[in-house]
Amino acid sequence: MIDRPYVCVTAPIKPVPFSFTPAKSFDVCMREAYDEILIPYQNLIDHTFFGGEALPNLELTLGPDQYAAFLGGRIDASSENVTTWVHPFIDDWSGFHAQIDLSPDGYFQKLKRYFEYAAKQASGRFLLNMLDLHSNMDALSAMRGAQDLCFDLIDCAKEVHRVLNEVNDTYQTVFQMAYEAGEMEEVGTIGWSPIYCRQKSAVLQCDFSCLVGPEHANEFVFPAIEYEASLLDHNIYHLDGKDALRHLDTILSLDCIDCIQWVPGAGQPRTLEWMDLLKKIQSAGKSLWIYDWTAEEIKAYHKELNPALVAFSLQTNTPDEAKSLLHTLKKTV
């Protein structure tokens, strides 16, 4: 920290239309009609104020189950053009071996071409996001179905370990595809978390962990998380949902985790009302990414937290509001 906490704040200079959903990105990628997103996005950033550490960055995605699709799943998109998913397609792990489908018209190669084209348009103007990698047990859950996978941890744990190890072995291939096709070695990495890294970084997560207790999580989930972290220079762990809190002490004990995003989940109080939890995370030496405080809430409550171990991201209504936030933080830290 130099003179205030890390802040990524944006504001519209002039309202312009821009619609982006995972399903729309999937559709554009499959039709190779990339400019349908890239041209409107460049118009958006031309009319957007980027304050503090905010950088223009665009997500290219096939949706939350894209990792399972790389391994053989079929992606369906919603009729409302909002999200996508993969229907479970594994009935028995014994005959399955996890490997990336590298066929020219497969999802992996289609997305690679999307990144390569977008990187040329992005050069000097904006960054491309690292993929939202629902890998490890999240990928197995998408392939098998969450309930059946829970039973498998008891009925055929050895087979689950085998397939999980095979999925782990594909992580570097998937990461490197986006890293190289997106020219991230030259420009650095960023993701759906807006925190920039000059080196290799990604968001780590396992939403499936909400469905299992500490014993199974320590056996299946966190060794995979540690492996993924070992391939990166920095990372953020996406801790999603109240049921994931049973694993918090384990996560805080992992030296490889740099930063945590706490997402309370639908129907739960916002992160501002979890101050004791936020302080516990910082007391373990982990940084926080806080994404849901308003500018006025940041001004009022930022002193509750260690300013050197927090990153705020938000959008204000006007550039002046964004500048006021940055000015206030400099005065009050």
C-alpha atoms as a PDB file:
ATOM      1  CA  MET A   1       0.000   0.000   0.000  1.00  0.00           C
ATOM      2  CA  ILE A   2       1.253   3.484  -0.879  1.00  0.00           C
ATOM      3  CA  ASP A   3      -1.320   6.006   0.318  1.00  0.00           C
ATOM      4  CA  ARG A   4      -4.692   4.202   0.386  1.00  0.00           C
ATOM      5  CA  PRO A   5      -6.203   0.726  -0.017  1.00  0.00           C
ATOM      6  CA  TYR A   6      -6.303  -0.927  -3.424  1.00  0.00           C
ATOM      7  CA  VAL A   7      -9.488   0.247  -5.222  1.00  0.00           C
ATOM      8  CA  CYS A   8     -10.918  -0.688  -8.606  1.00  0.00           C
ATOM      9  CA  VAL A   9     -13.679   1.839  -9.257  1.00  0.00           C
ATOM     10  CA  THR A  10     -15.462   2.520 -12.525  1.00  0.00           C
ATOM     11  CA  ALA A  11     -18.227   4.922 -13.547  1.00  0.00           C
ATOM     12  CA  PRO A  12     -20.096   5.680 -16.762  1.00  0.00           C
ATOM     13  CA  ILE A  13     -19.009   8.865 -18.493  1.00  0.00           C
ATOM     14  CA  LYS A  14     -21.951   8.409 -20.823  1.00  0.00           C
ATOM     15  CA  PRO A  15     -24.437   5.508 -20.741  1.00  0.00           C
ATOM     16  CA  VAL A  16     -23.920   3.185 -23.702  1.00  0.00           C
ATOM     17  CA  PRO A  17     -25.618  -0.149 -24.440  1.00  0.00           C
ATOM     18  CA  PHE A  18     -23.600  -3.260 -23.721  1.00  0.00           C
ATOM     19  CA  SER A  19     -25.079  -6.661 -22.955  1.00  0.00           C
ATOM     20  CA  PHE A  20     -22.889  -9.549 -21.839  1.00  0.00           C
ATOM     21  CA  THR A  21     -23.887 -12.952 -20.481  1.00  0.00           C
ATOM     22  CA  PRO A  22     -22.144 -16.343 -20.476  1.00  0.00           C
ATOM     23  CA  ALA A  23     -24.765 -17.614 -22.928  1.00  0.00           C
ATOM     24  CA  LYS A  24     -24.165 -14.711 -25.302  1.00  0.00           C
ATOM     25  CA  SER A  25     -20.403 -15.245 -25.125  1.00  0.00           C
ATOM     26  CA  PHE A  26     -20.950 -18.965 -25.833  1.00  0.00           C
ATOM     27  CA  ASP A  27     -23.164 -18.174 -28.836  1.00  0.00           C
ATOM     28  CA  VAL A  28     -20.657 -15.671 -30.241  1.00  0.00           C
ATOM     29  CA  CYS A  29     -17.805 -18.157 -29.783  1.00  0.00           C
ATOM     30  CA  MET A  30     -19.641 -21.026 -31.454  1.00  0.00           C
ATOM     31  CA  ARG A  31     -20.598 -18.862 -34.467  1.00  0.00           C
ATOM     32  CA  GLU A  32     -17.177 -17.185 -34.471  1.00  0.00           C
ATOM     33  CA  ALA A  33     -18.996 -13.850 -34.641  1.00  0.00           C
ATOM     34  CA  TYR A  34     -16.578 -12.252 -32.179  1.00  0.00           C
ATOM     35  CA  ASP A  35     -17.165  -8.624 -33.166  1.00  0.00           C
ATOM     36  CA  GLU A  36     -20.726  -8.834 -31.841  1.00  0.00           C
ATOM     37  CA  ILE A  37     -19.177  -8.531 -28.372  1.00  0.00           C
ATOM     38  CA  LEU A  38     -15.798  -6.939 -29.055  1.00  0.00           C
ATOM     39  CA  ILE A  39     -17.010  -3.841 -30.905  1.00  0.00           C
ATOM     40  CA  PRO A  40     -19.727  -2.897 -28.355  1.00  0.00           C
ATOM     41  CA  TYR A  41     -17.248  -3.520 -25.530  1.00  0.00           C
ATOM     42  CA  GLN A  42     -14.710  -1.121 -27.026  1.00  0.00           C
ATOM     43  CA  ASN A  43     -17.466   1.476 -27.291  1.00  0.00           C
ATOM     44  CA  LEU A  44     -18.293   0.861 -23.618  1.00  0.00           C
ATOM     45  CA  ILE A  45     -14.744   1.441 -22.390  1.00  0.00           C
ATOM     46  CA  ASP A  46     -14.491   4.604 -24.495  1.00  0.00           C
ATOM     47  CA  HIS A  47     -17.318   5.978 -22.343  1.00  0.00           C
ATOM     48  CA  THR A  48     -16.224   4.573 -18.958  1.00  0.00           C
ATOM     49  CA  PHE A  49     -14.093   6.200 -16.249  1.00  0.00           C
ATOM     50  CA  PHE A  50     -11.510   3.809 -14.746  1.00  0.00           C
ATOM     51  CA  GLY A  51     -10.297   5.019 -11.359  1.00  0.00           C
ATOM     52  CA  GLY A  52      -7.725   3.776  -8.878  1.00  0.00           C
ATOM     53  CA  GLU A  53      -6.405   0.402 -10.006  1.00  0.00           C
ATOM     54  CA  ALA A  54      -9.341  -0.348 -12.337  1.00  0.00           C
ATOM     55  CA  LEU A  55      -8.412  -1.605 -15.784  1.00  0.00           C
ATOM     56  CA  PRO A  56     -10.712  -2.417 -18.708  1.00  0.00           C
ATOM     57  CA  ASN A  57     -11.036  -6.180 -18.947  1.00  0.00           C
ATOM     58  CA  LEU A  58     -13.330  -8.475 -20.910  1.00  0.00           C
ATOM     59  CA  GLU A  59     -14.393 -12.010 -20.054  1.00  0.00           C
ATOM     60  CA  LEU A  60     -14.429 -14.624 -22.806  1.00  0.00           C
ATOM     61  CA  THR A  61     -16.352 -17.649 -21.606  1.00  0.00           C
ATOM     62  CA  LEU A  62     -18.472 -20.620 -22.543  1.00  0.00           C
ATOM     63  CA  GLY A  63     -20.154 -20.544 -19.133  1.00  0.00           C
ATOM     64  CA  PRO A  64     -19.570 -21.986 -15.659  1.00  0.00           C
ATOM     65  CA  ASP A  65     -19.318 -25.629 -16.804  1.00  0.00           C
ATOM     66  CA  GLN A  66     -16.836 -24.963 -19.610  1.00  0.00           C
ATOM     67  CA  TYR A  67     -14.122 -27.067 -17.953  1.00  0.00           C
ATOM     68  CA  ALA A  68     -16.422 -30.113 -17.953  1.00  0.00           C
ATOM     69  CA  ALA A  69     -17.192 -29.357 -21.604  1.00  0.00           C
ATOM     70  CA  PHE A  70     -13.480 -29.454 -22.442  1.00  0.00           C
ATOM     71  CA  LEU A  71     -13.503 -32.985 -20.986  1.00  0.00           C
ATOM     72  CA  GLY A  72     -16.381 -34.258 -23.111  1.00  0.00           C
ATOM     73  CA  GLY A  73     -19.571 -32.572 -21.876  1.00  0.00           C
ATOM     74  CA  ARG A  74     -22.154 -30.934 -24.112  1.00  0.00           C
ATOM     75  CA  ILE A  75     -23.068 -27.314 -23.392  1.00  0.00           C
ATOM     76  CA  ASP A  76     -26.692 -26.177 -23.402  1.00  0.00           C
ATOM     77  CA  ALA A  77     -27.671 -22.506 -23.266  1.00  0.00           C
ATOM     78  CA  SER A  78     -30.734 -20.982 -21.646  1.00  0.00           C
ATOM     79  CA  SER A  79     -33.583 -19.821 -23.873  1.00  0.00           C
ATOM     80  CA  GLU A  80     -33.316 -16.412 -22.169  1.00  0.00           C
ATOM     81  CA  ASN A  81     -29.685 -16.182 -23.348  1.00  0.00           C
ATOM     82  CA  VAL A  82     -28.369 -15.859 -19.788  1.00  0.00           C
ATOM     83  CA  THR A  83     -26.248 -18.845 -18.787  1.00  0.00           C
ATOM     84  CA  THR A  84     -25.075 -22.263 -19.940  1.00  0.00           C
ATOM     85  CA  TRP A  85     -24.580 -25.652 -18.328  1.00  0.00           C
ATOM     86  CA  VAL A  86     -23.425 -29.208 -18.981  1.00  0.00           C
ATOM     87  CA  HIS A  87     -25.772 -32.099 -18.314  1.00  0.00           C
ATOM     88  CA  PRO A  88     -24.101 -34.904 -16.297  1.00  0.00           C
ATOM     89  CA  PHE A  89     -22.810 -37.517 -18.704  1.00  0.00           C
ATOM     90  CA  ILE A  90     -20.810 -39.952 -16.552  1.00  0.00           C
ATOM     91  CA  ASP A  91     -22.642 -43.070 -15.367  1.00  0.00           C
ATOM     92  CA  ASP A  92     -19.567 -44.970 -14.226  1.00  0.00           C
ATOM     93  CA  TRP A  93     -16.077 -43.579 -13.607  1.00  0.00           C
ATOM     94  CA  SER A  94     -14.413 -46.916 -14.318  1.00  0.00           C
ATOM     95  CA  GLY A  95     -14.526 -46.447 -18.076  1.00  0.00           C
ATOM     96  CA  PHE A  96     -13.702 -42.752 -18.119  1.00  0.00           C
ATOM     97  CA  HIS A  97     -10.324 -41.095 -18.574  1.00  0.00           C
ATOM     98  CA  ALA A  98     -10.140 -37.312 -18.322  1.00  0.00           C
ATOM     99  CA  GLN A  99      -8.471 -35.614 -21.267  1.00  0.00           C
ATOM    100  CA  ILE A 100      -9.009 -32.383 -23.168  1.00  0.00           C
ATOM    101  CA  ASP A 101     -10.913 -32.715 -26.439  1.00  0.00           C
ATOM    102  CA  LEU A 102      -8.529 -31.047 -28.903  1.00  0.00           C
ATOM    103  CA  SER A 103     -10.609 -31.591 -32.051  1.00  0.00           C
ATOM    104  CA  PRO A 104     -10.724 -28.500 -34.322  1.00  0.00           C
ATOM    105  CA  ASP A 105     -14.423 -27.867 -33.769  1.00  0.00           C
ATOM    106  CA  GLY A 106     -14.434 -28.825 -30.082  1.00  0.00           C
ATOM    107  CA  TYR A 107     -15.111 -26.294 -27.355  1.00  0.00           C
ATOM    108  CA  PHE A 108     -11.452 -25.973 -26.352  1.00  0.00           C
ATOM    109  CA  GLN A 109     -10.171 -25.059 -29.813  1.00  0.00           C
ATOM    110  CA  LYS A 110     -13.178 -22.824 -30.516  1.00  0.00           C
ATOM    111  CA  LEU A 111     -12.451 -20.837 -27.353  1.00  0.00           C
ATOM    112  CA  LYS A 112      -8.763 -20.672 -28.213  1.00  0.00           C
ATOM    113  CA  ARG A 113      -9.594 -19.052 -31.567  1.00  0.00           C
ATOM    114  CA  TYR A 114     -11.881 -16.594 -29.734  1.00  0.00           C
ATOM    115  CA  PHE A 115      -8.972 -15.597 -27.464  1.00  0.00           C
ATOM    116  CA  GLU A 116      -6.529 -15.251 -30.358  1.00  0.00           C
ATOM    117  CA  TYR A 117      -8.855 -12.969 -32.302  1.00  0.00           C
ATOM    118  CA  ALA A 118      -9.803 -10.908 -29.239  1.00  0.00           C
ATOM    119  CA  ALA A 119      -6.156 -10.471 -28.207  1.00  0.00           C
ATOM    120  CA  LYS A 120      -5.461  -8.622 -31.446  1.00  0.00           C
ATOM    121  CA  GLN A 121      -8.409  -6.287 -30.818  1.00  0.00           C
ATOM    122  CA  ALA A 122      -7.452  -5.839 -27.158  1.00  0.00           C
ATOM    123  CA  SER A 123      -3.829  -4.868 -27.760  1.00  0.00           C
ATOM    124  CA  GLY A 124      -3.133  -1.602 -25.962  1.00  0.00           C
ATOM    125  CA  ARG A 125      -6.813  -1.045 -25.162  1.00  0.00           C
ATOM    126  CA  PHE A 126      -8.038  -3.653 -22.688  1.00  0.00           C
ATOM    127  CA  LEU A 127      -7.153  -6.952 -21.047  1.00  0.00           C
ATOM    128  CA  LEU A 128      -8.716 -10.379 -21.528  1.00  0.00           C
ATOM    129  CA  ASN A 129      -9.767 -12.242 -18.412  1.00  0.00           C
ATOM    130  CA  MET A 130      -8.252 -15.500 -17.331  1.00  0.00           C
ATOM    131  CA  LEU A 131     -10.931 -18.195 -17.591  1.00  0.00           C
ATOM    132  CA  ASP A 132     -13.350 -18.834 -14.748  1.00  0.00           C
ATOM    133  CA  LEU A 133     -11.907 -22.278 -14.061  1.00  0.00           C
ATOM    134  CA  HIS A 134     -14.420 -24.534 -12.326  1.00  0.00           C
ATOM    135  CA  SER A 135     -11.850 -27.318 -12.320  1.00  0.00           C
ATOM    136  CA  ASN A 136     -11.007 -29.963  -9.653  1.00  0.00           C
ATOM    137  CA  MET A 137     -14.099 -31.412  -7.938  1.00  0.00           C
ATOM    138  CA  ASP A 138     -16.369 -28.810  -9.562  1.00  0.00           C
ATOM    139  CA  ALA A 139     -15.566 -30.332 -12.946  1.00  0.00           C
ATOM    140  CA  LEU A 140     -16.290 -33.841 -11.622  1.00  0.00           C
ATOM    141  CA  SER A 141     -19.561 -32.589 -10.142  1.00  0.00           C
ATOM    142  CA  ALA A 142     -20.642 -31.146 -13.489  1.00  0.00           C
ATOM    143  CA  MET A 143     -19.755 -34.382 -15.278  1.00  0.00           C
ATOM    144  CA  ARG A 144     -21.331 -36.780 -12.797  1.00  0.00           C
ATOM    145  CA  GLY A 145     -23.962 -34.732 -10.977  1.00  0.00           C
ATOM    146  CA  ALA A 146     -23.447 -33.411  -7.453  1.00  0.00           C
ATOM    147  CA  GLN A 147     -25.565 -36.006  -5.638  1.00  0.00           C
ATOM    148  CA  ASP A 148     -24.034 -38.989  -7.414  1.00  0.00           C
ATOM    149  CA  LEU A 149     -20.540 -37.615  -6.833  1.00  0.00           C
ATOM    150  CA  CYS A 150     -21.272 -37.380  -3.103  1.00  0.00           C
ATOM    151  CA  PHE A 151     -22.186 -41.084  -3.080  1.00  0.00           C
ATOM    152  CA  ASP A 152     -19.072 -41.878  -5.132  1.00  0.00           C
ATOM    153  CA  LEU A 153     -16.821 -40.458  -2.407  1.00  0.00           C
ATOM    154  CA  ILE A 154     -18.046 -43.357  -0.261  1.00  0.00           C
ATOM    155  CA  ASP A 155     -18.757 -46.065  -2.835  1.00  0.00           C
ATOM    156  CA  CYS A 156     -15.765 -45.719  -5.189  1.00  0.00           C
ATOM    157  CA  ALA A 157     -13.302 -43.252  -3.668  1.00  0.00           C
ATOM    158  CA  LYS A 158     -10.353 -44.842  -5.456  1.00  0.00           C
ATOM    159  CA  GLU A 159     -11.918 -44.167  -8.867  1.00  0.00           C
ATOM    160  CA  VAL A 160     -12.746 -40.585  -7.892  1.00  0.00           C
ATOM    161  CA  HIS A 161      -9.119 -40.030  -6.870  1.00  0.00           C
ATOM    162  CA  ARG A 162      -7.945 -41.417 -10.204  1.00  0.00           C
ATOM    163  CA  VAL A 163     -10.203 -39.189 -12.288  1.00  0.00           C
ATOM    164  CA  LEU A 164      -9.495 -36.155 -10.082  1.00  0.00           C
ATOM    165  CA  ASN A 165      -5.759 -36.649 -10.611  1.00  0.00           C
ATOM    166  CA  GLU A 166      -6.368 -36.846 -14.361  1.00  0.00           C
ATOM    167  CA  VAL A 167      -8.411 -33.631 -14.257  1.00  0.00           C
ATOM    168  CA  ASN A 168      -5.664 -31.952 -12.220  1.00  0.00           C
ATOM    169  CA  ASP A 169      -3.200 -32.957 -14.942  1.00  0.00           C
ATOM    170  CA  THR A 170      -5.238 -30.974 -17.489  1.00  0.00           C
ATOM    171  CA  TYR A 171      -5.225 -27.726 -15.473  1.00  0.00           C
ATOM    172  CA  GLN A 172      -1.969 -26.390 -16.845  1.00  0.00           C
ATOM    173  CA  THR A 173      -3.084 -27.123 -20.429  1.00  0.00           C
ATOM    174  CA  VAL A 174      -6.315 -25.151 -19.950  1.00  0.00           C
ATOM    175  CA  PHE A 175      -4.600 -22.280 -18.142  1.00  0.00           C
ATOM    176  CA  GLN A 176      -1.799 -22.039 -20.698  1.00  0.00           C
ATOM    177  CA  MET A 177      -4.253 -21.980 -23.594  1.00  0.00           C
ATOM    178  CA  ALA A 178      -5.889 -18.796 -22.294  1.00  0.00           C
ATOM    179  CA  TYR A 179      -2.564 -17.384 -21.074  1.00  0.00           C
ATOM    180  CA  GLU A 180      -0.828 -17.799 -24.436  1.00  0.00           C
ATOM    181  CA  ALA A 181      -3.764 -17.156 -26.779  1.00  0.00           C
ATOM    182  CA  GLY A 182      -4.670 -14.077 -24.733  1.00  0.00           C
ATOM    183  CA  GLU A 183      -1.044 -12.817 -24.871  1.00  0.00           C
ATOM    184  CA  MET A 184      -1.021 -12.589 -21.075  1.00  0.00           C
ATOM    185  CA  GLU A 185       2.705 -13.211 -20.819  1.00  0.00           C
ATOM    186  CA  GLU A 186       3.142  -9.740 -22.329  1.00  0.00           C
ATOM    187  CA  VAL A 187       0.331  -7.854 -20.582  1.00  0.00           C
ATOM    188  CA  GLY A 188      -0.280  -9.733 -17.323  1.00  0.00           C
ATOM    189  CA  THR A 189      -3.365 -11.444 -15.949  1.00  0.00           C
ATOM    190  CA  ILE A 190      -6.713 -10.358 -14.606  1.00  0.00           C
ATOM    191  CA  GLY A 191      -9.992 -12.196 -14.173  1.00  0.00           C
ATOM    192  CA  TRP A 192     -13.592 -11.803 -13.159  1.00  0.00           C
ATOM    193  CA  SER A 193     -11.888 -10.496 -10.067  1.00  0.00           C
ATOM    194  CA  PRO A 194     -10.601  -7.125 -11.312  1.00  0.00           C
ATOM    195  CA  ILE A 195      -7.267  -7.409  -9.486  1.00  0.00           C
ATOM    196  CA  TYR A 196      -4.350  -7.168 -11.897  1.00  0.00           C
ATOM    197  CA  CYS A 197      -1.232  -9.342 -11.690  1.00  0.00           C
ATOM    198  CA  ARG A 198       1.894  -8.944 -13.796  1.00  0.00           C
ATOM    199  CA  GLN A 199       2.517 -12.686 -13.444  1.00  0.00           C
ATOM    200  CA  LYS A 200       0.296 -15.772 -13.606  1.00  0.00           C
ATOM    201  CA  SER A 201      -2.844 -15.529 -11.488  1.00  0.00           C
ATOM    202  CA  ALA A 202      -6.334 -16.994 -11.333  1.00  0.00           C
ATOM    203  CA  VAL A 203      -9.332 -17.388  -9.057  1.00  0.00           C
ATOM    204  CA  LEU A 204      -9.337 -20.745  -7.258  1.00  0.00           C
ATOM    205  CA  GLN A 205     -12.562 -22.283  -6.027  1.00  0.00           C
ATOM    206  CA  CYS A 206     -14.533 -25.423  -5.311  1.00  0.00           C
ATOM    207  CA  ASP A 207     -18.243 -24.817  -4.885  1.00  0.00           C
ATOM    208  CA  PHE A 208     -18.732 -28.573  -4.472  1.00  0.00           C
ATOM    209  CA  SER A 209     -16.991 -28.251  -1.090  1.00  0.00           C
ATOM    210  CA  CYS A 210     -20.279 -26.902   0.316  1.00  0.00           C
ATOM    211  CA  LEU A 211     -21.717 -30.417   0.003  1.00  0.00           C
ATOM    212  CA  VAL A 212     -19.065 -32.294   1.971  1.00  0.00           C
ATOM    213  CA  GLY A 213     -17.573 -32.219   5.438  1.00  0.00           C
ATOM    214  CA  PRO A 214     -13.993 -31.410   6.381  1.00  0.00           C
ATOM    215  CA  GLU A 215     -12.801 -35.024   6.117  1.00  0.00           C
ATOM    216  CA  HIS A 216     -13.807 -35.422   2.479  1.00  0.00           C
ATOM    217  CA  ALA A 217     -12.763 -31.858   1.630  1.00  0.00           C
ATOM    218  CA  ASN A 218      -9.296 -32.442   3.068  1.00  0.00           C
ATOM    219  CA  GLU A 219      -9.026 -35.681   1.109  1.00  0.00           C
ATOM    220  CA  PHE A 220     -10.364 -34.558  -2.273  1.00  0.00           C
ATOM    221  CA  VAL A 221     -10.740 -30.778  -2.495  1.00  0.00           C
ATOM    222  CA  PHE A 222      -7.819 -28.988  -0.917  1.00  0.00           C
ATOM    223  CA  PRO A 223      -4.973 -31.119  -2.296  1.00  0.00           C
ATOM    224  CA  ALA A 224      -6.312 -30.180  -5.749  1.00  0.00           C
ATOM    225  CA  ILE A 225      -6.511 -26.496  -4.763  1.00  0.00           C
ATOM    226  CA  GLU A 226      -2.907 -26.610  -3.518  1.00  0.00           C
ATOM    227  CA  TYR A 227      -1.810 -28.225  -6.771  1.00  0.00           C
ATOM    228  CA  GLU A 228      -3.485 -25.526  -8.863  1.00  0.00           C
ATOM    229  CA  ALA A 229      -1.960 -22.802  -6.686  1.00  0.00           C
ATOM    230  CA  SER A 230       1.485 -24.325  -7.241  1.00  0.00           C
ATOM    231  CA  LEU A 231       1.153 -23.572 -10.961  1.00  0.00           C
ATOM    232  CA  LEU A 232       0.377 -19.899 -10.349  1.00  0.00           C
ATOM    233  CA  ASP A 233       2.281 -16.937  -8.976  1.00  0.00           C
ATOM    234  CA  HIS A 234      -0.738 -15.483  -7.160  1.00  0.00           C
ATOM    235  CA  ASN A 235      -4.368 -16.369  -6.586  1.00  0.00           C
ATOM    236  CA  ILE A 236      -7.687 -15.438  -5.010  1.00  0.00           C
ATOM    237  CA  TYR A 237      -9.858 -18.081  -3.355  1.00  0.00           C
ATOM    238  CA  HIS A 238     -13.593 -17.714  -4.048  1.00  0.00           C
ATOM    239  CA  LEU A 239     -15.302 -18.754  -0.793  1.00  0.00           C
ATOM    240  CA  ASP A 240     -18.939 -19.047  -1.788  1.00  0.00           C
ATOM    241  CA  GLY A 241     -21.826 -19.712   0.567  1.00  0.00           C
ATOM    242  CA  LYS A 242     -22.446 -20.197   4.247  1.00  0.00           C
ATOM    243  CA  ASP A 243     -21.926 -23.949   3.954  1.00  0.00           C
ATOM    244  CA  ALA A 244     -18.362 -23.323   2.782  1.00  0.00           C
ATOM    245  CA  LEU A 245     -17.473 -21.708   6.108  1.00  0.00           C
ATOM    246  CA  ARG A 246     -16.900 -25.123   7.677  1.00  0.00           C
ATOM    247  CA  HIS A 247     -13.688 -25.200   5.622  1.00  0.00           C
ATOM    248  CA  LEU A 248     -12.481 -21.691   6.466  1.00  0.00           C
ATOM    249  CA  ASP A 249      -9.864 -22.720   9.022  1.00  0.00           C
ATOM    250  CA  THR A 250      -8.367 -25.168   6.546  1.00  0.00           C
ATOM    251  CA  ILE A 251      -8.276 -22.511   3.830  1.00  0.00           C
ATOM    252  CA  LEU A 252      -6.635 -19.999   6.172  1.00  0.00           C
ATOM    253  CA  SER A 253      -3.988 -22.593   7.025  1.00  0.00           C
ATOM    254  CA  LEU A 254      -2.923 -22.955   3.381  1.00  0.00           C
ATOM    255  CA  ASP A 255       0.175 -20.855   2.758  1.00  0.00           C
ATOM    256  CA  CYS A 256      -0.510 -20.955  -0.980  1.00  0.00           C
ATOM    257  CA  ILE A 257      -3.703 -18.859  -0.731  1.00  0.00           C
ATOM    258  CA  ASP A 258      -3.053 -15.118  -1.150  1.00  0.00           C
ATOM    259  CA  CYS A 259      -6.484 -13.533  -1.011  1.00  0.00           C
ATOM    260  CA  ILE A 260     -10.087 -14.518  -0.237  1.00  0.00           C
ATOM    261  CA  GLN A 261     -13.372 -13.324  -1.688  1.00  0.00           C
ATOM    262  CA  TRP A 262     -16.160 -14.064   0.794  1.00  0.00           C
ATOM    263  CA  VAL A 263     -19.555 -14.441  -0.903  1.00  0.00           C
ATOM    264  CA  PRO A 264     -22.288 -14.987   1.716  1.00  0.00           C
ATOM    265  CA  GLY A 265     -24.808 -16.302  -0.827  1.00  0.00           C
ATOM    266  CA  ALA A 266     -28.435 -15.630  -1.667  1.00  0.00           C
ATOM    267  CA  GLY A 267     -30.587 -14.605   1.265  1.00  0.00           C
ATOM    268  CA  GLN A 268     -27.602 -13.912   3.524  1.00  0.00           C
ATOM    269  CA  PRO A 269     -26.447 -10.537   4.883  1.00  0.00           C
ATOM    270  CA  ARG A 270     -23.949  -8.689   2.705  1.00  0.00           C
ATOM    271  CA  THR A 271     -20.234  -8.879   3.493  1.00  0.00           C
ATOM    272  CA  LEU A 272     -20.397  -5.605   5.433  1.00  0.00           C
ATOM    273  CA  GLU A 273     -22.308  -7.481   8.142  1.00  0.00           C
ATOM    274  CA  TRP A 274     -19.602 -10.165   8.456  1.00  0.00           C
ATOM    275  CA  MET A 275     -16.930  -7.875   9.883  1.00  0.00           C
ATOM    276  CA  ASP A 276     -15.684 -10.420  12.444  1.00  0.00           C
ATOM    277  CA  LEU A 277     -15.193 -12.946   9.649  1.00  0.00           C
ATOM    278  CA  LEU A 278     -13.376 -10.409   7.465  1.00  0.00           C
ATOM    279  CA  LYS A 279     -11.061  -9.534  10.360  1.00  0.00           C
ATOM    280  CA  LYS A 280     -10.400 -13.228  11.006  1.00  0.00           C
ATOM    281  CA  ILE A 281      -9.315 -13.671   7.390  1.00  0.00           C
ATOM    282  CA  GLN A 282      -6.966 -10.705   7.600  1.00  0.00           C
ATOM    283  CA  SER A 283      -5.568 -11.839  10.956  1.00  0.00           C
ATOM    284  CA  ALA A 284      -4.446 -15.035   9.213  1.00  0.00           C
ATOM    285  CA  GLY A 285      -2.380 -12.898   6.835  1.00  0.00           C
ATOM    286  CA  LYS A 286      -4.756 -13.220   3.873  1.00  0.00           C
ATOM    287  CA  SER A 287      -5.936 -10.300   1.800  1.00  0.00           C
ATOM    288  CA  LEU A 288      -9.621  -9.612   1.139  1.00  0.00           C
ATOM    289  CA  TRP A 289     -11.364  -8.816  -2.106  1.00  0.00           C
ATOM    290  CA  ILE A 290     -14.576  -6.937  -1.230  1.00  0.00           C
ATOM    291  CA  TYR A 291     -16.943  -6.460  -4.124  1.00  0.00           C
ATOM    292  CA  ASP A 292     -20.304  -5.382  -2.663  1.00  0.00           C
ATOM    293  CA  TRP A 293     -19.733  -2.215  -0.595  1.00  0.00           C
ATOM    294  CA  THR A 294     -20.931   1.133  -1.898  1.00  0.00           C
ATOM    295  CA  ALA A 295     -18.629   4.140  -2.037  1.00  0.00           C
ATOM    296  CA  GLU A 296     -20.262   5.617   1.065  1.00  0.00           C
ATOM    297  CA  GLU A 297     -19.907   2.319   2.940  1.00  0.00           C
ATOM    298  CA  ILE A 298     -16.223   2.125   2.048  1.00  0.00           C
ATOM    299  CA  LYS A 299     -15.704   5.665   3.324  1.00  0.00           C
ATOM    300  CA  ALA A 300     -17.524   4.844   6.566  1.00  0.00           C
ATOM    301  CA  TYR A 301     -16.129   1.400   7.368  1.00  0.00           C
ATOM    302  CA  HIS A 302     -12.782   0.932   5.632  1.00  0.00           C
ATOM    303  CA  LYS A 303     -10.888   1.749   8.837  1.00  0.00           C
ATOM    304  CA  GLU A 304     -12.275  -1.445  10.372  1.00  0.00           C
ATOM    305  CA  LEU A 305      -9.907  -3.389   8.130  1.00  0.00           C
ATOM    306  CA  ASN A 306      -6.164  -3.498   7.552  1.00  0.00           C
ATOM    307  CA  PRO A 307      -5.771  -1.199   4.512  1.00  0.00           C
ATOM    308  CA  ALA A 308      -2.748  -3.137   3.263  1.00  0.00           C
ATOM    309  CA  LEU A 309      -4.749  -6.385   3.078  1.00  0.00           C
ATOM    310  CA  VAL A 310      -7.895  -5.355   1.234  1.00  0.00           C
ATOM    311  CA  ALA A 311      -8.985  -4.641  -2.346  1.00  0.00           C
ATOM    312  CA  PHE A 312     -12.314  -2.940  -3.050  1.00  0.00           C
ATOM    313  CA  SER A 313     -14.103  -3.131  -6.391  1.00  0.00           C
ATOM    314  CA  LEU A 314     -17.230  -1.156  -7.250  1.00  0.00           C
ATOM    315  CA  GLN A 315     -19.038   1.025  -9.741  1.00  0.00           C
ATOM    316  CA  THR A 316     -20.279   4.515  -8.896  1.00  0.00           C
ATOM    317  CA  ASN A 317     -22.912   6.551 -10.687  1.00  0.00           C
ATOM    318  CA  THR A 318     -20.528   9.265 -11.850  1.00  0.00           C
ATOM    319  CA  PRO A 319     -16.775   9.823 -12.251  1.00  0.00           C
ATOM    320  CA  ASP A 320     -16.940  12.549  -9.613  1.00  0.00           C
ATOM    321  CA  GLU A 321     -18.241  10.049  -7.050  1.00  0.00           C
ATOM    322  CA  ALA A 322     -15.374   7.719  -7.910  1.00  0.00           C
ATOM    323  CA  LYS A 323     -12.803  10.512  -7.545  1.00  0.00           C
ATOM    324  CA  SER A 324     -14.353  11.564  -4.242  1.00  0.00           C
ATOM    325  CA  LEU A 325     -13.926   8.036  -2.882  1.00  0.00           C
ATOM    326  CA  LEU A 326     -10.254   7.904  -3.851  1.00  0.00           C
ATOM    327  CA  HIS A 327      -9.632  11.371  -2.391  1.00  0.00           C
ATOM    328  CA  THR A 328     -11.338  10.471   0.890  1.00  0.00           C
ATOM    329  CA  LEU A 329      -9.345   7.265   1.279  1.00  0.00           C
ATOM    330  CA  LYS A 330      -6.075   9.144   0.797  1.00  0.00           C
ATOM    331  CA  LYS A 331      -7.056  11.625   3.485  1.00  0.00           C
ATOM    332  CA  THR A 332      -8.296   9.118   6.059  1.00  0.00           C
ATOM    333  CA  VAL A 333      -5.881   6.169   5.913  1.00  0.00           C
END
